[in-house]
Amino acid sequence: MAGLDKMKSQILDEAKAEARLKIEGAQAQAEEIISQANAEAEIISKKILQDSEKDIANYRERTASSIDLQKRTRILEAKQNLIRDILDKAYHTLAGMETEEYFAMLLKLLEKYVLPEAGEMFFSSADLERMPSGYEAQVSKIAGAKGGSLKISEEGRNIENGFVLAYGGIEENCTLRAMFDEKKDELSDQVRELLFA
């Protein structure tokens, strides 16, 4: 029996030694796998960190660009509002001129738009009422100098100011609003240059 116990003991010792070797091998392999996983995790975390830093930098750049664009847009809007206000004040200044100055200005406007034809000139009812005496003679003189003739209509038109010229069914709107609208871009450019050059 002692031989059998010795054999069992030897087999058990060998099995234990083999098991210990296998456990040590498995532990070494597990440590290697853990070490590799840690190294890969380190690489991945560095990449995530770099990508995050790039994303943050891009976001900051886009935000700064957006803020700059908004700032420039607001400045442009403010400039456009200022130009519009100045042109509006200029319009109201012309429209509110004293009677003599106002009608003298309209004669200068007439010189520019009168045609060498027979026509009719229309004013608002308010302008017809305040028209200086002898004005029709001045109008006729200007029209005659261009080779045409103009008659001032007694019919008041539904216009705010200025006048309308009618030549054979074709009308030329010479109201102050029409003149301002026609020259809006040019006037805006001039005001912009005066204010912001």
Protein backbone atom coordinates (compact mmCIF):
# COMPACT_ATOMS: atom_id res chain seq x y z
CA MET A 1 0.00 0.00 0.00
CA ALA A 2 2.85 2.22 0.76
CA GLY A 3 3.93 1.91 -2.85
CA LEU A 4 0.46 2.90 -3.99
CA ASP A 5 0.38 5.90 -1.68
CA LYS A 6 3.79 6.90 -2.88
CA MET A 7 2.66 6.64 -6.47
CA LYS A 8 -0.48 8.64 -5.73
CA SER A 9 1.59 11.22 -3.96
CA GLN A 10 4.02 11.41 -6.85
CA ILE A 11 1.16 11.73 -9.38
CA LEU A 12 -0.45 14.41 -7.23
CA ASP A 13 2.85 16.29 -6.92
CA GLU A 14 3.38 16.11 -10.66
CA ALA A 15 -0.21 17.24 -11.30
CA LYS A 16 0.21 20.10 -8.82
CA ALA A 17 3.51 21.11 -10.42
CA GLU A 18 1.93 20.94 -13.89
CA ALA A 19 -1.12 22.88 -12.67
CA ARG A 20 1.15 25.51 -11.09
CA LEU A 21 3.07 25.82 -14.38
CA LYS A 22 -0.20 26.15 -16.29
CA ILE A 23 -1.52 28.71 -13.78
CA GLU A 24 1.74 30.67 -13.96
CA GLY A 25 1.62 30.51 -17.79
CA ALA A 26 -2.01 31.63 -17.77
CA GLN A 27 -1.18 34.46 -15.35
CA ALA A 28 1.75 35.55 -17.54
CA GLN A 29 -0.50 35.41 -20.60
CA ALA A 30 -3.23 37.34 -18.74
CA GLU A 31 -0.70 39.97 -17.66
CA GLU A 32 0.53 40.27 -21.25
CA ILE A 33 -3.05 40.63 -22.51
CA ILE A 34 -3.76 43.23 -19.79
CA SER A 35 -0.54 45.06 -20.65
CA GLN A 36 -1.45 45.08 -24.35
CA ALA A 37 -5.00 46.24 -23.55
CA ASN A 38 -3.60 49.02 -21.35
CA ALA A 39 -1.21 50.09 -24.12
CA GLU A 40 -4.05 50.07 -26.68
CA ALA A 41 -6.33 51.93 -24.25
CA GLU A 42 -3.57 54.53 -23.76
CA ILE A 43 -3.24 54.98 -27.54
CA ILE A 44 -7.03 55.22 -27.96
CA SER A 45 -7.40 57.68 -25.07
CA LYS A 46 -4.60 59.87 -26.50
CA LYS A 47 -6.33 59.85 -29.91
CA ILE A 48 -9.68 60.72 -28.29
CA LEU A 49 -7.98 63.53 -26.38
CA GLN A 50 -6.29 64.86 -29.55
CA ASP A 51 -9.57 64.65 -31.49
CA SER A 52 -11.38 66.41 -28.64
CA GLU A 53 -8.75 69.17 -28.58
CA LYS A 54 -9.09 69.57 -32.36
CA ASP A 55 -12.90 69.67 -32.06
CA ILE A 56 -12.66 72.28 -29.31
CA ALA A 57 -10.23 74.38 -31.36
CA ASN A 58 -12.51 74.09 -34.43
CA TYR A 59 -15.54 75.01 -32.33
CA ARG A 60 -13.73 78.05 -30.89
CA GLU A 61 -12.67 79.09 -34.39
CA ARG A 62 -16.21 78.71 -35.76
CA THR A 63 -17.63 80.59 -32.77
CA ALA A 64 -15.13 83.42 -33.20
CA SER A 65 -15.89 83.53 -36.93
CA SER A 66 -19.64 83.56 -36.25
CA ILE A 67 -19.26 86.35 -33.70
CA ASP A 68 -17.14 88.34 -36.15
CA LEU A 69 -19.72 87.84 -38.90
CA GLN A 70 -22.54 88.93 -36.59
CA LYS A 71 -20.53 91.98 -35.56
CA ARG A 72 -19.85 92.96 -39.19
CA THR A 73 -23.51 92.35 -40.08
CA ARG A 74 -24.70 94.60 -37.24
CA ILE A 75 -22.22 97.32 -38.21
CA LEU A 76 -23.41 97.11 -41.82
CA GLU A 77 -27.05 97.28 -40.71
CA ALA A 78 -26.28 100.30 -38.51
CA LYS A 79 -24.52 102.03 -41.42
CA GLN A 80 -27.43 101.26 -43.76
CA ASN A 81 -29.92 102.59 -41.20
CA LEU A 82 -27.87 105.75 -40.77
CA ILE A 83 -27.68 106.28 -44.54
CA ARG A 84 -31.43 105.64 -44.87
CA ASP A 85 -32.12 108.15 -42.06
CA ILE A 86 -29.92 110.79 -43.68
CA LEU A 87 -31.59 110.31 -47.08
CA ASP A 88 -35.00 110.43 -45.42
CA LYS A 89 -34.09 113.69 -43.66
CA ALA A 90 -32.78 115.09 -46.95
CA TYR A 91 -36.06 114.18 -48.63
CA HIS A 92 -38.12 115.85 -45.89
CA THR A 93 -35.87 118.91 -45.96
CA LEU A 94 -36.48 119.31 -49.71
CA ALA A 95 -40.21 118.62 -49.37
CA GLY A 96 -40.48 121.15 -46.53
CA MET A 97 -38.65 123.99 -48.27
CA GLU A 98 -40.13 127.47 -48.25
CA THR A 99 -42.50 128.03 -51.19
CA GLU A 100 -40.15 130.18 -53.29
CA GLU A 101 -37.17 127.82 -52.83
CA TYR A 102 -39.35 124.78 -53.47
CA PHE A 103 -40.75 126.03 -56.76
CA ALA A 104 -37.31 127.30 -57.87
CA MET A 105 -35.95 123.79 -57.26
CA LEU A 106 -38.81 122.33 -59.33
CA LEU A 107 -37.87 124.65 -62.23
CA LYS A 108 -34.33 123.23 -62.14
CA LEU A 109 -35.78 119.73 -62.15
CA LEU A 110 -38.02 120.68 -65.06
CA GLU A 111 -35.00 121.84 -67.09
CA LYS A 112 -33.61 118.33 -66.81
CA TYR A 113 -36.77 116.42 -67.79
CA VAL A 114 -38.66 118.70 -70.20
CA LEU A 115 -38.96 117.37 -73.78
CA PRO A 116 -39.08 119.29 -77.07
CA GLU A 117 -42.79 118.50 -77.43
CA ALA A 118 -46.17 119.85 -76.38
CA GLY A 119 -47.15 118.50 -72.98
CA GLU A 120 -48.94 119.02 -69.73
CA MET A 121 -47.55 119.47 -66.23
CA PHE A 122 -49.44 118.16 -63.17
CA PHE A 123 -48.99 119.22 -59.54
CA SER A 124 -50.66 118.19 -56.29
CA SER A 125 -53.70 120.24 -55.24
CA ALA A 126 -51.67 121.69 -52.35
CA ASP A 127 -48.88 122.82 -54.72
CA LEU A 128 -51.41 124.32 -57.16
CA GLU A 129 -52.83 126.42 -54.32
CA ARG A 130 -49.45 127.76 -53.18
CA MET A 131 -47.88 128.14 -56.62
CA PRO A 132 -46.26 131.58 -57.01
CA SER A 133 -47.80 133.95 -59.52
CA GLY A 134 -46.07 133.99 -62.87
CA TYR A 135 -44.87 130.41 -62.42
CA GLU A 136 -46.63 129.14 -65.55
CA ALA A 137 -44.74 131.77 -67.59
CA GLN A 138 -41.44 130.46 -66.17
CA VAL A 139 -42.47 126.90 -67.05
CA SER A 140 -43.40 127.96 -70.59
CA LYS A 141 -40.06 129.74 -70.99
CA ILE A 142 -38.09 126.62 -69.98
CA ALA A 143 -40.18 124.38 -72.26
CA GLY A 144 -39.81 126.86 -75.13
CA ALA A 145 -36.03 126.93 -74.70
CA LYS A 146 -36.03 123.15 -75.28
CA GLY A 147 -38.29 123.46 -78.33
CA GLY A 148 -41.51 122.39 -76.66
CA SER A 149 -44.45 123.77 -74.75
CA LEU A 150 -46.02 122.95 -71.41
CA LYS A 151 -49.38 123.81 -69.94
CA ILE A 152 -49.91 123.52 -66.17
CA SER A 153 -53.03 121.44 -65.56
CA GLU A 154 -55.64 122.86 -63.20
CA GLU A 155 -56.39 119.28 -62.10
CA GLY A 156 -54.59 118.36 -58.90
CA ARG A 157 -52.90 114.95 -58.96
CA ASN A 158 -52.70 112.57 -56.03
CA ILE A 159 -48.98 113.16 -55.49
CA GLU A 160 -47.16 114.38 -52.42
CA ASN A 161 -44.85 116.89 -54.08
CA GLY A 162 -42.95 117.57 -57.29
CA PHE A 163 -44.76 117.17 -60.59
CA VAL A 164 -45.68 114.77 -63.38
CA LEU A 165 -45.02 115.57 -67.04
CA ALA A 166 -47.40 114.11 -69.63
CA TYR A 167 -46.50 113.94 -73.32
CA GLY A 168 -49.09 112.23 -75.52
CA GLY A 169 -50.10 109.59 -72.98
CA ILE A 170 -46.54 108.99 -71.71
CA GLU A 171 -45.87 110.31 -68.22
CA GLU A 172 -42.62 111.17 -66.52
CA ASN A 173 -42.87 111.01 -62.71
CA CYS A 174 -40.84 113.92 -61.34
CA THR A 175 -42.05 113.74 -57.76
CA LEU A 176 -39.36 114.09 -55.12
CA ARG A 177 -39.99 110.51 -53.95
CA ALA A 178 -39.53 109.22 -57.52
CA MET A 179 -36.32 111.24 -57.88
CA PHE A 180 -34.98 109.91 -54.58
CA ASP A 181 -35.95 106.34 -55.47
CA GLU A 182 -34.32 106.65 -58.91
CA LYS A 183 -31.07 107.96 -57.42
CA LYS A 184 -31.20 105.89 -54.23
CA ASP A 185 -28.08 103.81 -54.94
CA GLU A 186 -26.07 106.79 -56.14
CA LEU A 187 -27.15 108.93 -53.17
CA SER A 188 -26.45 106.08 -50.74
CA ASP A 189 -22.95 105.68 -52.18
CA GLN A 190 -22.27 109.41 -51.81
CA VAL A 191 -23.50 109.48 -48.21
CA ARG A 192 -21.53 106.30 -47.42
CA GLU A 193 -18.37 107.87 -48.80
CA LEU A 194 -18.91 111.09 -46.84
CA LEU A 195 -19.56 109.25 -43.58
CA PHE A 196 -17.30 106.23 -43.75
CA ALA A 197 -14.45 107.02 -46.16
